[in-house]
Amino acid sequence: MSYLFNNFSENQSLFSEVLLKARELGYTEPDPREDLDGMDVARKLLILAREIGLESEMDDVEIQNLIPEALQNEDDFDSFLQHKEELDIHYKKLKSSLKENEVLRYIGDLDVEKHQLNVKLIKVDKNSPLGGIKNADSIFEIYTSGYGDHPLIIQGAGAGAEVTARGVYTDILKIGNQL
C-alpha cells in the first residue's frame, strides 16, 4: 500500500497503472483487492494492539475499503480490471482534492487510550515524516506524552519478497526455539 500511494500521489500515472506496477513488483497480493479492502492492514494493526496488551478483535477495527462500492462484488481480479476506468475516475477525484503540499497515505491508526483501531486513507503534508516516505517503505509514528507533538519514528522497508522472507525466517526461528 505504501508503494501504491507513494507513487500515485507523486506522479501523473493513473491509479490502475500504479496498482498493476505494484503487483508486478510483488508489493501486493496476487489479487491486489486483498490489499485494497484493508484487511491486511487491519490484521497487522490487530496484532500490534494485542502485542501491547489490548484485548481487541477484528470487529473492533474500523476499516475503510479502498475498492469503490460499485466494484466490490467483482468475481476475480480480471473482471475487476475490466472496470479500471471507474477505479481511475474514483482516485482521480480523490487526488484532485489534494492541496499542493498534500499526499495520500493508507494507514493503520491505533489510539491506545481510546482503544480505537482504524484503517483509513488520509491526506498528509508531503513534508511530514509520513508524507515523505518513498517507494515501498513503511513508517511507525509513535506518539506518547513524553514526546509531546513529536512522534518517535521507526521507518524501513515495508513490502516485497525480501521483507516477506525475513518475516517467514523469523517465524521459523521462533517455532524452532519453542520445540
N, C-alpha and C. Protein backbone atom coordinates (compact mmCIF):
# COMPACT_ATOMS: atom_id res chain seq x y z
N MET A 1 0.83 -1.18 0.00
CA MET A 1 0.00 0.00 0.00
C MET A 1 0.89 1.25 0.00
N SER A 2 2.04 1.15 0.66
CA SER A 2 2.95 2.29 0.67
C SER A 2 3.37 2.64 -0.75
N TYR A 3 3.84 1.62 -1.48
CA TYR A 3 4.29 1.87 -2.84
C TYR A 3 3.17 2.49 -3.67
N LEU A 4 2.00 1.95 -3.53
CA LEU A 4 0.85 2.39 -4.31
C LEU A 4 0.57 3.88 -4.11
N PHE A 5 0.41 4.30 -2.85
CA PHE A 5 0.05 5.70 -2.61
C PHE A 5 1.25 6.62 -2.66
N ASN A 6 2.44 6.13 -2.36
CA ASN A 6 3.63 6.97 -2.52
C ASN A 6 3.80 7.37 -3.98
N ASN A 7 3.58 6.43 -4.87
CA ASN A 7 3.77 6.70 -6.30
C ASN A 7 2.56 7.39 -6.92
N PHE A 8 1.37 6.99 -6.54
CA PHE A 8 0.18 7.62 -7.11
C PHE A 8 0.10 9.10 -6.73
N SER A 9 0.45 9.43 -5.50
CA SER A 9 0.36 10.81 -5.04
C SER A 9 1.39 11.72 -5.69
N GLU A 10 2.53 11.15 -6.08
CA GLU A 10 3.64 11.96 -6.54
C GLU A 10 3.80 12.05 -8.06
N ASN A 11 3.07 11.25 -8.82
CA ASN A 11 3.24 11.34 -10.28
C ASN A 11 1.89 11.40 -10.98
N GLN A 12 1.91 11.46 -12.28
CA GLN A 12 0.69 11.65 -13.06
C GLN A 12 0.09 10.35 -13.58
N SER A 13 0.57 9.21 -13.11
CA SER A 13 0.05 7.93 -13.57
C SER A 13 -1.37 7.71 -13.06
N LEU A 14 -2.11 6.92 -13.81
CA LEU A 14 -3.44 6.52 -13.36
C LEU A 14 -3.30 5.55 -12.20
N PHE A 15 -4.30 5.51 -11.34
CA PHE A 15 -4.28 4.62 -10.19
C PHE A 15 -4.11 3.17 -10.63
N SER A 16 -4.84 2.76 -11.67
CA SER A 16 -4.76 1.38 -12.14
C SER A 16 -3.35 1.04 -12.64
N GLU A 17 -2.66 2.00 -13.24
CA GLU A 17 -1.29 1.75 -13.72
C GLU A 17 -0.34 1.51 -12.54
N VAL A 18 -0.47 2.32 -11.51
CA VAL A 18 0.39 2.16 -10.33
C VAL A 18 0.05 0.85 -9.61
N LEU A 19 -1.23 0.51 -9.55
CA LEU A 19 -1.67 -0.73 -8.93
C LEU A 19 -1.06 -1.94 -9.66
N LEU A 20 -1.11 -1.93 -10.98
CA LEU A 20 -0.55 -3.04 -11.75
C LEU A 20 0.96 -3.11 -11.61
N LYS A 21 1.64 -1.98 -11.53
CA LYS A 21 3.09 -1.96 -11.33
C LYS A 21 3.44 -2.52 -9.95
N ALA A 22 2.68 -2.13 -8.93
CA ALA A 22 2.91 -2.66 -7.57
C ALA A 22 2.74 -4.18 -7.56
N ARG A 23 1.74 -4.65 -8.26
CA ARG A 23 1.51 -6.10 -8.35
C ARG A 23 2.67 -6.79 -9.05
N GLU A 24 3.13 -6.19 -10.16
CA GLU A 24 4.25 -6.75 -10.93
C GLU A 24 5.51 -6.83 -10.07
N LEU A 25 5.73 -5.85 -9.22
CA LEU A 25 6.91 -5.82 -8.36
C LEU A 25 6.79 -6.70 -7.12
N GLY A 26 5.62 -7.30 -6.92
CA GLY A 26 5.42 -8.17 -5.78
C GLY A 26 5.09 -7.43 -4.49
N TYR A 27 4.64 -6.19 -4.61
CA TYR A 27 4.30 -5.39 -3.42
C TYR A 27 2.86 -5.56 -2.98
N THR A 28 2.06 -6.27 -3.79
CA THR A 28 0.67 -6.54 -3.42
C THR A 28 0.47 -8.05 -3.44
N GLU A 29 -0.68 -8.45 -2.98
CA GLU A 29 -1.08 -9.84 -3.13
C GLU A 29 -1.30 -10.10 -4.62
N PRO A 30 -1.29 -11.37 -5.06
CA PRO A 30 -1.56 -11.64 -6.47
C PRO A 30 -2.88 -11.00 -6.94
N ASP A 31 -3.87 -10.97 -6.05
CA ASP A 31 -5.10 -10.23 -6.32
C ASP A 31 -5.07 -9.00 -5.41
N PRO A 32 -4.66 -7.84 -5.94
CA PRO A 32 -4.49 -6.64 -5.12
C PRO A 32 -5.74 -6.17 -4.38
N ARG A 33 -6.89 -6.71 -4.74
CA ARG A 33 -8.10 -6.36 -3.99
C ARG A 33 -7.98 -6.80 -2.54
N GLU A 34 -7.16 -7.83 -2.29
CA GLU A 34 -6.93 -8.29 -0.93
C GLU A 34 -6.18 -7.24 -0.11
N ASP A 35 -5.46 -6.36 -0.77
CA ASP A 35 -4.80 -5.24 -0.09
C ASP A 35 -5.74 -4.04 -0.02
N LEU A 36 -6.44 -3.78 -1.12
CA LEU A 36 -7.31 -2.62 -1.18
C LEU A 36 -8.50 -2.69 -0.23
N ASP A 37 -8.90 -3.89 0.15
CA ASP A 37 -10.06 -3.99 1.05
C ASP A 37 -9.70 -3.66 2.50
N GLY A 38 -8.42 -3.50 2.79
CA GLY A 38 -7.98 -3.06 4.10
C GLY A 38 -7.75 -4.16 5.12
N MET A 39 -8.07 -5.40 4.78
CA MET A 39 -7.96 -6.48 5.76
C MET A 39 -6.51 -6.76 6.16
N ASP A 40 -5.56 -6.64 5.23
CA ASP A 40 -4.17 -6.91 5.57
C ASP A 40 -3.67 -5.89 6.59
N VAL A 41 -3.95 -4.62 6.37
CA VAL A 41 -3.55 -3.58 7.33
C VAL A 41 -4.28 -3.80 8.65
N ALA A 42 -5.55 -4.16 8.59
CA ALA A 42 -6.33 -4.40 9.80
C ALA A 42 -5.74 -5.54 10.63
N ARG A 43 -5.34 -6.63 9.97
CA ARG A 43 -4.74 -7.76 10.69
C ARG A 43 -3.45 -7.33 11.40
N LYS A 44 -2.63 -6.55 10.69
CA LYS A 44 -1.37 -6.08 11.29
C LYS A 44 -1.65 -5.15 12.47
N LEU A 45 -2.63 -4.30 12.32
CA LEU A 45 -3.00 -3.38 13.40
C LEU A 45 -3.52 -4.16 14.61
N LEU A 46 -4.30 -5.18 14.35
CA LEU A 46 -4.84 -6.01 15.42
C LEU A 46 -3.71 -6.74 16.15
N ILE A 47 -2.75 -7.26 15.41
CA ILE A 47 -1.60 -7.93 16.03
C ILE A 47 -0.85 -6.94 16.92
N LEU A 48 -0.62 -5.75 16.43
CA LEU A 48 0.06 -4.72 17.22
C LEU A 48 -0.71 -4.42 18.50
N ALA A 49 -2.01 -4.25 18.39
CA ALA A 49 -2.84 -3.96 19.56
C ALA A 49 -2.73 -5.09 20.59
N ARG A 50 -2.77 -6.32 20.14
CA ARG A 50 -2.68 -7.46 21.06
C ARG A 50 -1.28 -7.57 21.68
N GLU A 51 -0.25 -7.27 20.89
CA GLU A 51 1.12 -7.32 21.40
C GLU A 51 1.35 -6.34 22.53
N ILE A 52 0.65 -5.21 22.51
CA ILE A 52 0.83 -4.24 23.59
C ILE A 52 -0.19 -4.44 24.72
N GLY A 53 -0.95 -5.53 24.64
CA GLY A 53 -1.81 -5.90 25.74
C GLY A 53 -3.28 -5.51 25.62
N LEU A 54 -3.69 -4.96 24.50
CA LEU A 54 -5.11 -4.64 24.34
C LEU A 54 -5.88 -5.90 23.96
N GLU A 55 -7.04 -6.06 24.54
CA GLU A 55 -7.90 -7.17 24.17
C GLU A 55 -8.79 -6.70 23.03
N SER A 56 -8.34 -6.96 21.81
CA SER A 56 -9.03 -6.47 20.62
C SER A 56 -9.36 -7.63 19.70
N GLU A 57 -10.44 -7.45 18.95
CA GLU A 57 -10.87 -8.41 17.95
C GLU A 57 -11.04 -7.68 16.62
N MET A 58 -11.13 -8.41 15.54
CA MET A 58 -11.28 -7.79 14.22
C MET A 58 -12.50 -6.89 14.17
N ASP A 59 -13.55 -7.24 14.90
CA ASP A 59 -14.75 -6.40 14.92
C ASP A 59 -14.48 -5.03 15.52
N ASP A 60 -13.39 -4.88 16.26
CA ASP A 60 -13.04 -3.59 16.87
C ASP A 60 -12.35 -2.65 15.87
N VAL A 61 -11.96 -3.18 14.72
CA VAL A 61 -11.21 -2.38 13.75
C VAL A 61 -12.18 -1.76 12.74
N GLU A 62 -12.16 -0.45 12.65
CA GLU A 62 -12.96 0.24 11.64
C GLU A 62 -12.10 0.33 10.38
N ILE A 63 -12.61 -0.24 9.29
CA ILE A 63 -11.82 -0.38 8.06
C ILE A 63 -12.45 0.39 6.91
N GLN A 64 -11.66 1.24 6.28
CA GLN A 64 -12.09 1.90 5.06
C GLN A 64 -11.64 1.05 3.87
N ASN A 65 -12.59 0.46 3.19
CA ASN A 65 -12.32 -0.33 2.00
C ASN A 65 -12.02 0.64 0.85
N LEU A 66 -10.89 0.45 0.19
CA LEU A 66 -10.49 1.35 -0.88
C LEU A 66 -11.02 0.96 -2.25
N ILE A 67 -11.75 -0.13 -2.31
CA ILE A 67 -12.37 -0.53 -3.57
C ILE A 67 -13.70 0.22 -3.67
N PRO A 68 -13.90 0.99 -4.74
CA PRO A 68 -15.18 1.68 -4.89
C PRO A 68 -16.33 0.68 -4.77
N GLU A 69 -17.39 1.10 -4.11
CA GLU A 69 -18.51 0.20 -3.81
C GLU A 69 -19.03 -0.53 -5.05
N ALA A 70 -19.10 0.15 -6.17
CA ALA A 70 -19.63 -0.45 -7.39
C ALA A 70 -18.75 -1.60 -7.90
N LEU A 71 -17.50 -1.67 -7.44
CA LEU A 71 -16.57 -2.70 -7.92
C LEU A 71 -16.29 -3.77 -6.87
N GLN A 72 -16.90 -3.71 -5.72
CA GLN A 72 -16.58 -4.62 -4.63
C GLN A 72 -17.07 -6.04 -4.84
N ASN A 73 -17.98 -6.26 -5.75
CA ASN A 73 -18.54 -7.60 -5.93
C ASN A 73 -18.05 -8.32 -7.19
N GLU A 74 -16.99 -7.80 -7.80
CA GLU A 74 -16.44 -8.48 -8.97
C GLU A 74 -15.87 -9.83 -8.55
N ASP A 75 -16.08 -10.84 -9.40
CA ASP A 75 -15.69 -12.20 -9.05
C ASP A 75 -14.19 -12.42 -8.95
N ASP A 76 -13.43 -11.80 -9.85
CA ASP A 76 -11.99 -12.00 -9.84
C ASP A 76 -11.28 -10.73 -10.28
N PHE A 77 -9.96 -10.74 -10.18
CA PHE A 77 -9.19 -9.53 -10.48
C PHE A 77 -9.33 -9.13 -11.94
N ASP A 78 -9.40 -10.09 -12.85
CA ASP A 78 -9.53 -9.76 -14.27
C ASP A 78 -10.84 -9.02 -14.55
N SER A 79 -11.93 -9.47 -13.96
CA SER A 79 -13.21 -8.77 -14.16
C SER A 79 -13.18 -7.41 -13.48
N PHE A 80 -12.51 -7.32 -12.34
CA PHE A 80 -12.32 -6.04 -11.65
C PHE A 80 -11.58 -5.06 -12.57
N LEU A 81 -10.54 -5.54 -13.23
CA LEU A 81 -9.74 -4.68 -14.11
C LEU A 81 -10.50 -4.21 -15.34
N GLN A 82 -11.52 -4.94 -15.72
CA GLN A 82 -12.33 -4.51 -16.85
C GLN A 82 -13.03 -3.18 -16.55
N HIS A 83 -13.08 -2.83 -15.27
CA HIS A 83 -13.72 -1.57 -14.84
C HIS A 83 -12.69 -0.58 -14.32
N LYS A 84 -11.46 -0.68 -14.83
CA LYS A 84 -10.40 0.17 -14.30
C LYS A 84 -10.66 1.66 -14.54
N GLU A 85 -11.46 1.98 -15.56
CA GLU A 85 -11.79 3.39 -15.79
C GLU A 85 -12.55 3.98 -14.61
N GLU A 86 -13.48 3.18 -14.04
CA GLU A 86 -14.22 3.63 -12.86
C GLU A 86 -13.29 3.81 -11.67
N LEU A 87 -12.36 2.88 -11.53
CA LEU A 87 -11.36 2.96 -10.46
C LEU A 87 -10.52 4.22 -10.63
N ASP A 88 -10.06 4.46 -11.85
CA ASP A 88 -9.23 5.63 -12.11
C ASP A 88 -9.99 6.94 -11.89
N ILE A 89 -11.25 6.98 -12.27
CA ILE A 89 -12.08 8.18 -12.05
C ILE A 89 -12.22 8.44 -10.55
N HIS A 90 -12.50 7.38 -9.80
CA HIS A 90 -12.65 7.49 -8.34
C HIS A 90 -11.40 8.09 -7.71
N TYR A 91 -10.23 7.56 -8.07
CA TYR A 91 -8.99 8.03 -7.46
C TYR A 91 -8.52 9.37 -8.02
N LYS A 92 -8.90 9.66 -9.24
CA LYS A 92 -8.57 10.99 -9.79
C LYS A 92 -9.31 12.07 -8.99
N LYS A 93 -10.56 11.79 -8.62
CA LYS A 93 -11.33 12.74 -7.79
C LYS A 93 -10.66 12.94 -6.44
N LEU A 94 -10.22 11.85 -5.83
CA LEU A 94 -9.54 11.96 -4.54
C LEU A 94 -8.25 12.78 -4.67
N LYS A 95 -7.51 12.49 -5.72
CA LYS A 95 -6.25 13.19 -5.93
C LYS A 95 -6.47 14.66 -6.22
N SER A 96 -7.53 14.98 -6.95
CA SER A 96 -7.79 16.38 -7.29
C SER A 96 -8.20 17.19 -6.06
N SER A 97 -8.59 16.52 -4.98
CA SER A 97 -8.95 17.23 -3.75
C SER A 97 -7.73 17.57 -2.89
N LEU A 98 -6.56 17.08 -3.29
CA LEU A 98 -5.36 17.35 -2.52
C LEU A 98 -4.88 18.78 -2.71
N LYS A 99 -4.40 19.36 -1.64
CA LYS A 99 -3.73 20.66 -1.74
C LYS A 99 -2.35 20.43 -2.33
N GLU A 100 -1.70 21.48 -2.74
CA GLU A 100 -0.40 21.36 -3.41
C GLU A 100 0.63 20.61 -2.57
N ASN A 101 0.57 20.75 -1.28
CA ASN A 101 1.58 20.13 -0.40
C ASN A 101 1.10 18.82 0.23
N GLU A 102 0.01 18.24 -0.27
CA GLU A 102 -0.54 17.03 0.35
C GLU A 102 -0.34 15.79 -0.52
N VAL A 103 -0.30 14.65 0.18
CA VAL A 103 -0.26 13.33 -0.46
C VAL A 103 -1.24 12.41 0.26
N LEU A 104 -1.59 11.32 -0.39
CA LEU A 104 -2.48 10.32 0.20
C LEU A 104 -1.65 9.22 0.86
N ARG A 105 -2.12 8.78 2.01
CA ARG A 105 -1.48 7.65 2.70
C ARG A 105 -2.58 6.78 3.30
N TYR A 106 -2.41 5.46 3.17
CA TYR A 106 -3.34 4.49 3.75
C TYR A 106 -2.70 4.00 5.05
N ILE A 107 -3.37 4.22 6.16
CA ILE A 107 -2.73 3.99 7.45
C ILE A 107 -3.56 3.07 8.35
N GLY A 108 -2.86 2.48 9.28
CA GLY A 108 -3.47 1.83 10.43
C GLY A 108 -3.21 2.75 11.60
N ASP A 109 -4.25 3.13 12.31
CA ASP A 109 -4.14 4.07 13.42
C ASP A 109 -4.65 3.40 14.69
N LEU A 110 -3.78 3.30 15.68
CA LEU A 110 -4.13 2.69 16.96
C LEU A 110 -4.06 3.76 18.04
N ASP A 111 -5.20 4.08 18.62
CA ASP A 111 -5.27 5.01 19.74
C ASP A 111 -5.45 4.15 20.99
N VAL A 112 -4.36 4.01 21.75
CA VAL A 112 -4.36 3.12 22.91
C VAL A 112 -5.31 3.62 23.99
N GLU A 113 -5.28 4.93 24.26
CA GLU A 113 -6.12 5.47 25.33
C GLU A 113 -7.61 5.28 25.05
N LYS A 114 -8.01 5.48 23.81
CA LYS A 114 -9.43 5.36 23.44
C LYS A 114 -9.79 3.94 23.00
N HIS A 115 -8.78 3.08 22.88
CA HIS A 115 -8.96 1.72 22.38
C HIS A 115 -9.69 1.74 21.03
N GLN A 116 -9.15 2.58 20.11
CA GLN A 116 -9.72 2.68 18.76
C GLN A 116 -8.69 2.20 17.75
N LEU A 117 -9.14 1.38 16.83
CA LEU A 117 -8.31 0.88 15.76
C LEU A 117 -8.98 1.26 14.44
N ASN A 118 -8.27 2.01 13.61
CA ASN A 118 -8.83 2.47 12.34
C ASN A 118 -7.86 2.22 11.20
N VAL A 119 -8.39 1.79 10.09
CA VAL A 119 -7.64 1.66 8.85
C VAL A 119 -8.32 2.61 7.88
N LYS A 120 -7.53 3.59 7.38
CA LYS A 120 -8.17 4.63 6.58
C LYS A 120 -7.18 5.32 5.65
N LEU A 121 -7.74 5.95 4.64
CA LEU A 121 -6.96 6.76 3.71
C LEU A 121 -7.02 8.20 4.20
N ILE A 122 -5.84 8.80 4.34
CA ILE A 122 -5.79 10.17 4.84
C ILE A 122 -4.94 11.04 3.91
N LYS A 123 -5.10 12.34 4.07
CA LYS A 123 -4.26 13.33 3.39
C LYS A 123 -3.28 13.86 4.41
N VAL A 124 -2.00 13.91 4.04
CA VAL A 124 -0.98 14.44 4.94
C VAL A 124 -0.05 15.37 4.17
N ASP A 125 0.62 16.23 4.92
CA ASP A 125 1.61 17.13 4.33
C ASP A 125 2.77 16.30 3.79
N LYS A 126 3.17 16.55 2.56
CA LYS A 126 4.24 15.77 1.95
C LYS A 126 5.58 15.97 2.63
N ASN A 127 5.71 17.01 3.45
CA ASN A 127 6.96 17.26 4.16
C ASN A 127 6.97 16.67 5.57
N SER A 128 5.89 16.01 5.96
CA SER A 128 5.85 15.33 7.26
C SER A 128 6.57 13.99 7.13
N PRO A 129 6.93 13.37 8.26
CA PRO A 129 7.57 12.05 8.15
C PRO A 129 6.72 11.05 7.36
N LEU A 130 5.42 10.98 7.64
CA LEU A 130 4.54 10.06 6.92
C LEU A 130 4.41 10.46 5.45
N GLY A 131 4.30 11.72 5.19
CA GLY A 131 4.16 12.19 3.82
C GLY A 131 5.43 12.06 3.00
N GLY A 132 6.55 11.95 3.67
CA GLY A 132 7.83 11.89 2.97
C GLY A 132 8.36 10.51 2.67
N ILE A 133 7.65 9.46 3.08
CA ILE A 133 8.18 8.12 2.79
C ILE A 133 8.14 7.87 1.28
N LYS A 134 9.02 7.02 0.83
CA LYS A 134 9.18 6.74 -0.60
C LYS A 134 9.06 5.25 -0.87
N ASN A 135 8.79 4.95 -2.13
CA ASN A 135 8.72 3.58 -2.63
C ASN A 135 7.83 2.71 -1.76
N ALA A 136 8.35 1.56 -1.29
CA ALA A 136 7.52 0.63 -0.52
C ALA A 136 7.85 0.68 0.97
N ASP A 137 8.47 1.79 1.42
CA ASP A 137 8.79 1.91 2.83
C ASP A 137 7.54 2.02 3.68
N SER A 138 7.68 1.60 4.92
CA SER A 138 6.63 1.75 5.92
C SER A 138 7.17 2.61 7.05
N ILE A 139 6.25 3.14 7.83
CA ILE A 139 6.65 4.01 8.92
C ILE A 139 5.71 3.79 10.10
N PHE A 140 6.28 3.83 11.29
CA PHE A 140 5.51 3.85 12.52
C PHE A 140 5.77 5.21 13.16
N GLU A 141 4.71 5.90 13.48
CA GLU A 141 4.82 7.13 14.24
C GLU A 141 4.21 6.85 15.60
N ILE A 142 5.01 6.93 16.63
CA ILE A 142 4.55 6.60 17.98
C ILE A 142 4.47 7.89 18.78
N TYR A 143 3.25 8.24 19.17
CA TYR A 143 3.02 9.45 19.95
C TYR A 143 2.83 9.06 21.41
N THR A 144 3.58 9.71 22.29
CA THR A 144 3.45 9.49 23.72
C THR A 144 3.43 10.84 24.43
N SER A 145 3.00 10.84 25.67
CA SER A 145 3.02 12.09 26.42
C SER A 145 4.45 12.57 26.62
N GLY A 146 5.40 11.66 26.68
CA GLY A 146 6.80 12.02 26.86
C GLY A 146 7.41 12.75 25.67
N TYR A 147 6.88 12.49 24.47
CA TYR A 147 7.41 13.12 23.27
C TYR A 147 6.57 14.31 22.81
N GLY A 148 5.44 14.54 23.45
CA GLY A 148 4.59 15.66 23.07
C GLY A 148 4.06 15.49 21.66
N ASP A 149 4.14 16.56 20.88
CA ASP A 149 3.63 16.53 19.50
C ASP A 149 4.61 15.92 18.50
N HIS A 150 5.78 15.51 18.98
CA HIS A 150 6.80 14.97 18.09
C HIS A 150 6.87 13.46 18.26
N PRO A 151 6.50 12.72 17.22
CA PRO A 151 6.47 11.26 17.37
C PRO A 151 7.86 10.64 17.31
N LEU A 152 7.97 9.47 17.92
CA LEU A 152 9.12 8.61 17.74
C LEU A 152 8.88 7.91 16.40
N ILE A 153 9.87 7.93 15.51
CA ILE A 153 9.71 7.40 14.15
C ILE A 153 10.52 6.12 13.98
N ILE A 154 9.87 5.11 13.45
CA ILE A 154 10.54 3.87 13.02
C ILE A 154 10.17 3.70 11.56
N GLN A 155 11.17 3.63 10.69
CA GLN A 155 10.91 3.58 9.26
C GLN A 155 11.82 2.58 8.58
N GLY A 156 11.29 1.90 7.57
CA GLY A 156 12.10 0.95 6.82
C GLY A 156 11.30 0.25 5.75
N ALA A 157 11.93 -0.73 5.12
CA ALA A 157 11.29 -1.47 4.04
C ALA A 157 10.00 -2.11 4.54
N GLY A 158 8.96 -2.01 3.73
CA GLY A 158 7.67 -2.50 4.18
C GLY A 158 7.02 -3.55 3.31
N ALA A 159 7.58 -3.83 2.14
CA ALA A 159 6.93 -4.79 1.24
C ALA A 159 7.97 -5.40 0.31
N GLY A 160 7.57 -6.50 -0.28
CA GLY A 160 8.42 -7.15 -1.26
C GLY A 160 8.88 -8.51 -0.78
N ALA A 161 9.51 -9.24 -1.67
CA ALA A 161 9.92 -10.61 -1.40
C ALA A 161 10.92 -10.70 -0.25
N GLU A 162 11.90 -9.79 -0.20
CA GLU A 162 12.92 -9.84 0.86
C GLU A 162 12.31 -9.59 2.23
N VAL A 163 11.40 -8.64 2.32
CA VAL A 163 10.75 -8.34 3.60
C VAL A 163 9.92 -9.54 4.05
N THR A 164 9.18 -10.13 3.14
CA THR A 164 8.37 -11.30 3.46
C THR A 164 9.27 -12.46 3.90
N ALA A 165 10.37 -12.67 3.19
CA ALA A 165 11.28 -13.76 3.53
C ALA A 165 11.86 -13.58 4.93
N ARG A 166 12.22 -12.34 5.29
CA ARG A 166 12.74 -12.09 6.64
C ARG A 166 11.69 -12.44 7.69
N GLY A 167 10.44 -12.08 7.43
CA GLY A 167 9.37 -12.39 8.37
C GLY A 167 9.16 -13.87 8.53
N VAL A 168 9.17 -14.59 7.42
CA VAL A 168 9.00 -16.05 7.47
C VAL A 168 10.17 -16.69 8.20
N TYR A 169 11.39 -16.24 7.92
CA TYR A 169 12.58 -16.77 8.58
C TYR A 169 12.51 -16.55 10.09
N THR A 170 12.08 -15.36 10.50
CA THR A 170 11.92 -15.06 11.92
C THR A 170 10.90 -15.99 12.56
N ASP A 171 9.80 -16.22 11.86
CA ASP A 171 8.76 -17.12 12.39
C ASP A 171 9.29 -18.55 12.53
N ILE A 172 10.08 -19.00 11.56
CA ILE A 172 10.67 -20.35 11.63
C ILE A 172 11.59 -20.46 12.83
N LEU A 173 12.42 -19.43 13.07
CA LEU A 173 13.31 -19.45 14.23
C LEU A 173 12.53 -19.49 15.54
N LYS A 174 11.42 -18.73 15.62
CA LYS A 174 10.60 -18.74 16.83
C LYS A 174 10.01 -20.13 17.07
N ILE A 175 9.54 -20.76 16.01
CA ILE A 175 8.97 -22.11 16.14
C ILE A 175 10.06 -23.09 16.59
N GLY A 176 11.24 -22.97 15.97
CA GLY A 176 12.37 -23.85 16.35
C GLY A 176 12.74 -23.71 17.80
N ASN A 177 12.72 -22.49 18.31
CA ASN A 177 13.07 -22.25 19.71
C ASN A 177 12.02 -22.81 20.67
N GLN A 178 10.79 -22.94 20.21
CA GLN A 178 9.72 -23.46 21.07
C GLN A 178 9.68 -24.99 21.11
N LEU A 179 10.37 -25.62 20.14
CA LEU A 179 10.33 -27.10 20.09
C LEU A 179 11.24 -27.73 21.09
